[in-house]
Amino acid sequence: MSSMNVKKGDRVVVLAGKDKGKKGEVLSASPKDNRVVVQGVNMVKRHQRPTPSHPGGIVEKEASIHVSNVAHIDPKDDKPTRIGIKILDDGRKVRVARRSGEVIDR
């Protein structure tokens, strides 16, 4: 299992594919498959059978994309950035934006 720099809740921009340039929040991350689901990106239509809670019909939802096709958005200037790791004085490991040095983890 490889480690990913992208976690649920991160703001990312799509670098390749039909949705290139779109920005969104990561809804879920799957490190085992190296894939992420980004809000409003890679929309697909699925046929839904009616259930007591949902009516049937054609539902549009997000499909996963490969993690190599997304990049973090720098909190300072809203441009794509790579990620580095920094150890703070209190011993915590945090992710930082390579572009500005801004801490991404809260």
C-alpha atoms as a PDB file:
ATOM      1  CA  MET A   1       0.000   0.000   0.000  1.00  0.00           C
ATOM      2  CA  SER A   2       1.483   3.331  -1.029  1.00  0.00           C
ATOM      3  CA  SER A   3       0.975   6.536   0.907  1.00  0.00           C
ATOM      4  CA  MET A   4      -0.907   9.417  -0.662  1.00  0.00           C
ATOM      5  CA  ASN A   5      -0.476  13.116   0.039  1.00  0.00           C
ATOM      6  CA  VAL A   6      -4.190  13.709  -0.499  1.00  0.00           C
ATOM      7  CA  LYS A   7      -6.719  13.269   2.305  1.00  0.00           C
ATOM      8  CA  LYS A   8     -10.466  13.700   2.662  1.00  0.00           C
ATOM      9  CA  GLY A   9     -11.357  17.388   2.903  1.00  0.00           C
ATOM     10  CA  ASP A  10      -8.331  18.702   0.947  1.00  0.00           C
ATOM     11  CA  ARG A  11      -8.876  21.264  -1.817  1.00  0.00           C
ATOM     12  CA  VAL A  12      -7.410  20.048  -5.111  1.00  0.00           C
ATOM     13  CA  VAL A  13      -7.279  20.980  -8.806  1.00  0.00           C
ATOM     14  CA  VAL A  14      -7.556  18.425 -11.633  1.00  0.00           C
ATOM     15  CA  LEU A  15      -4.443  18.332 -13.845  1.00  0.00           C
ATOM     16  CA  ALA A  16      -5.523  15.943 -16.624  1.00  0.00           C
ATOM     17  CA  GLY A  17      -8.599  14.504 -18.273  1.00  0.00           C
ATOM     18  CA  LYS A  18     -11.974  15.859 -19.338  1.00  0.00           C
ATOM     19  CA  ASP A  19     -12.317  17.930 -16.149  1.00  0.00           C
ATOM     20  CA  LYS A  20      -8.855  19.532 -16.349  1.00  0.00           C
ATOM     21  CA  GLY A  21      -8.712  22.814 -14.420  1.00  0.00           C
ATOM     22  CA  LYS A  22     -11.705  22.129 -12.183  1.00  0.00           C
ATOM     23  CA  LYS A  23     -11.253  22.675  -8.454  1.00  0.00           C
ATOM     24  CA  GLY A  24     -13.033  20.818  -5.694  1.00  0.00           C
ATOM     25  CA  GLU A  25     -12.878  19.165  -2.312  1.00  0.00           C
ATOM     26  CA  VAL A  26     -11.828  15.542  -1.862  1.00  0.00           C
ATOM     27  CA  LEU A  27     -14.907  13.598  -0.731  1.00  0.00           C
ATOM     28  CA  SER A  28     -13.106  10.277  -0.227  1.00  0.00           C
ATOM     29  CA  ALA A  29      -9.635   8.847  -0.698  1.00  0.00           C
ATOM     30  CA  SER A  30      -8.714   5.224  -1.368  1.00  0.00           C
ATOM     31  CA  PRO A  31      -4.975   4.700  -0.697  1.00  0.00           C
ATOM     32  CA  LYS A  32      -5.198   1.010  -1.636  1.00  0.00           C
ATOM     33  CA  ASP A  33      -6.278   1.889  -5.185  1.00  0.00           C
ATOM     34  CA  ASN A  34      -4.486   5.289  -5.374  1.00  0.00           C
ATOM     35  CA  ARG A  35      -7.792   6.961  -6.261  1.00  0.00           C
ATOM     36  CA  VAL A  36      -9.777   9.929  -4.970  1.00  0.00           C
ATOM     37  CA  VAL A  37     -13.338  11.205  -5.427  1.00  0.00           C
ATOM     38  CA  VAL A  38     -13.474  14.976  -5.977  1.00  0.00           C
ATOM     39  CA  GLN A  39     -16.666  17.003  -5.586  1.00  0.00           C
ATOM     40  CA  GLY A  40     -18.197  17.887  -8.974  1.00  0.00           C
ATOM     41  CA  VAL A  41     -15.476  16.128 -11.003  1.00  0.00           C
ATOM     42  CA  ASN A  42     -15.803  13.051 -13.276  1.00  0.00           C
ATOM     43  CA  MET A  43     -19.604  12.961 -13.084  1.00  0.00           C
ATOM     44  CA  VAL A  44     -21.217   9.726 -14.290  1.00  0.00           C
ATOM     45  CA  LYS A  45     -24.848   8.618 -14.626  1.00  0.00           C
ATOM     46  CA  ARG A  46     -26.042   5.532 -12.783  1.00  0.00           C
ATOM     47  CA  HIS A  47     -29.424   3.828 -12.950  1.00  0.00           C
ATOM     48  CA  GLN A  48     -30.963   3.664  -9.464  1.00  0.00           C
ATOM     49  CA  ARG A  49     -33.607   1.118  -8.482  1.00  0.00           C
ATOM     50  CA  PRO A  50     -36.374   2.635  -6.347  1.00  0.00           C
ATOM     51  CA  THR A  51     -36.088   2.061  -2.585  1.00  0.00           C
ATOM     52  CA  PRO A  52     -38.344   3.261   0.247  1.00  0.00           C
ATOM     53  CA  SER A  53     -35.990   6.211   0.886  1.00  0.00           C
ATOM     54  CA  HIS A  54     -35.027   7.096  -2.725  1.00  0.00           C
ATOM     55  CA  PRO A  55     -37.097   7.258  -5.882  1.00  0.00           C
ATOM     56  CA  GLY A  56     -35.743   5.364  -8.859  1.00  0.00           C
ATOM     57  CA  GLY A  57     -34.276   6.964 -11.955  1.00  0.00           C
ATOM     58  CA  ILE A  58     -30.976   8.085 -13.384  1.00  0.00           C
ATOM     59  CA  VAL A  59     -28.683   9.547 -10.718  1.00  0.00           C
ATOM     60  CA  GLU A  60     -25.589  11.622 -11.460  1.00  0.00           C
ATOM     61  CA  LYS A  61     -22.670  11.154  -9.066  1.00  0.00           C
ATOM     62  CA  GLU A  62     -18.894  11.519  -8.876  1.00  0.00           C
ATOM     63  CA  ALA A  63     -16.608   8.687  -9.950  1.00  0.00           C
ATOM     64  CA  SER A  64     -13.063   8.268  -8.683  1.00  0.00           C
ATOM     65  CA  ILE A  65      -9.988   9.556 -10.513  1.00  0.00           C
ATOM     66  CA  HIS A  66      -6.353   8.606 -10.124  1.00  0.00           C
ATOM     67  CA  VAL A  67      -4.470  10.570  -7.486  1.00  0.00           C
ATOM     68  CA  SER A  68      -1.715  11.464  -9.976  1.00  0.00           C
ATOM     69  CA  ASN A  69      -4.247  13.587 -11.881  1.00  0.00           C
ATOM     70  CA  VAL A  70      -4.860  15.985  -8.981  1.00  0.00           C
ATOM     71  CA  ALA A  71      -2.676  18.551  -7.204  1.00  0.00           C
ATOM     72  CA  HIS A  72      -3.171  20.418  -3.946  1.00  0.00           C
ATOM     73  CA  ILE A  73      -4.245  24.042  -4.073  1.00  0.00           C
ATOM     74  CA  ASP A  74      -1.852  26.399  -2.294  1.00  0.00           C
ATOM     75  CA  PRO A  75      -3.771  28.139   0.529  1.00  0.00           C
ATOM     76  CA  LYS A  76      -1.947  31.416  -0.176  1.00  0.00           C
ATOM     77  CA  ASP A  77      -2.475  31.972  -3.913  1.00  0.00           C
ATOM     78  CA  ASP A  78      -4.940  29.254  -5.105  1.00  0.00           C
ATOM     79  CA  LYS A  79      -2.470  27.691  -7.552  1.00  0.00           C
ATOM     80  CA  PRO A  80      -1.391  24.023  -7.807  1.00  0.00           C
ATOM     81  CA  THR A  81       1.461  23.003  -5.546  1.00  0.00           C
ATOM     82  CA  ARG A  82       3.432  19.967  -4.519  1.00  0.00           C
ATOM     83  CA  ILE A  83       3.485  18.744  -0.934  1.00  0.00           C
ATOM     84  CA  GLY A  84       6.357  18.451   1.514  1.00  0.00           C
ATOM     85  CA  ILE A  85       6.571  17.151   5.060  1.00  0.00           C
ATOM     86  CA  LYS A  86       7.823  19.252   7.957  1.00  0.00           C
ATOM     87  CA  ILE A  87       8.302  18.374  11.612  1.00  0.00           C
ATOM     88  CA  LEU A  88       7.194  21.152  13.952  1.00  0.00           C
ATOM     89  CA  ASP A  89       8.852  22.114  17.237  1.00  0.00           C
ATOM     90  CA  ASP A  90       6.277  20.137  19.225  1.00  0.00           C
ATOM     91  CA  GLY A  91       7.144  16.972  17.245  1.00  0.00           C
ATOM     92  CA  ARG A  92       4.086  16.892  14.976  1.00  0.00           C
ATOM     93  CA  LYS A  93       4.508  15.963  11.298  1.00  0.00           C
ATOM     94  CA  VAL A  94       2.561  18.300   9.035  1.00  0.00           C
ATOM     95  CA  ARG A  95       2.093  18.674   5.286  1.00  0.00           C
ATOM     96  CA  VAL A  96       3.337  21.941   3.812  1.00  0.00           C
ATOM     97  CA  ALA A  97       2.875  23.520   0.388  1.00  0.00           C
ATOM     98  CA  ARG A  98       6.191  23.567  -1.496  1.00  0.00           C
ATOM     99  CA  ARG A  99       5.139  26.708  -3.365  1.00  0.00           C
ATOM    100  CA  SER A 100       4.649  28.997  -0.343  1.00  0.00           C
ATOM    101  CA  GLY A 101       5.704  26.969   2.710  1.00  0.00           C
ATOM    102  CA  GLU A 102       2.190  27.312   4.132  1.00  0.00           C
ATOM    103  CA  VAL A 103       1.006  24.496   6.460  1.00  0.00           C
ATOM    104  CA  ILE A 104      -1.861  22.494   4.903  1.00  0.00           C
ATOM    105  CA  ASP A 105      -2.763  20.331   7.902  1.00  0.00           C
ATOM    106  CA  ARG A 106      -4.902  21.968  10.530  1.00  0.00           C
END
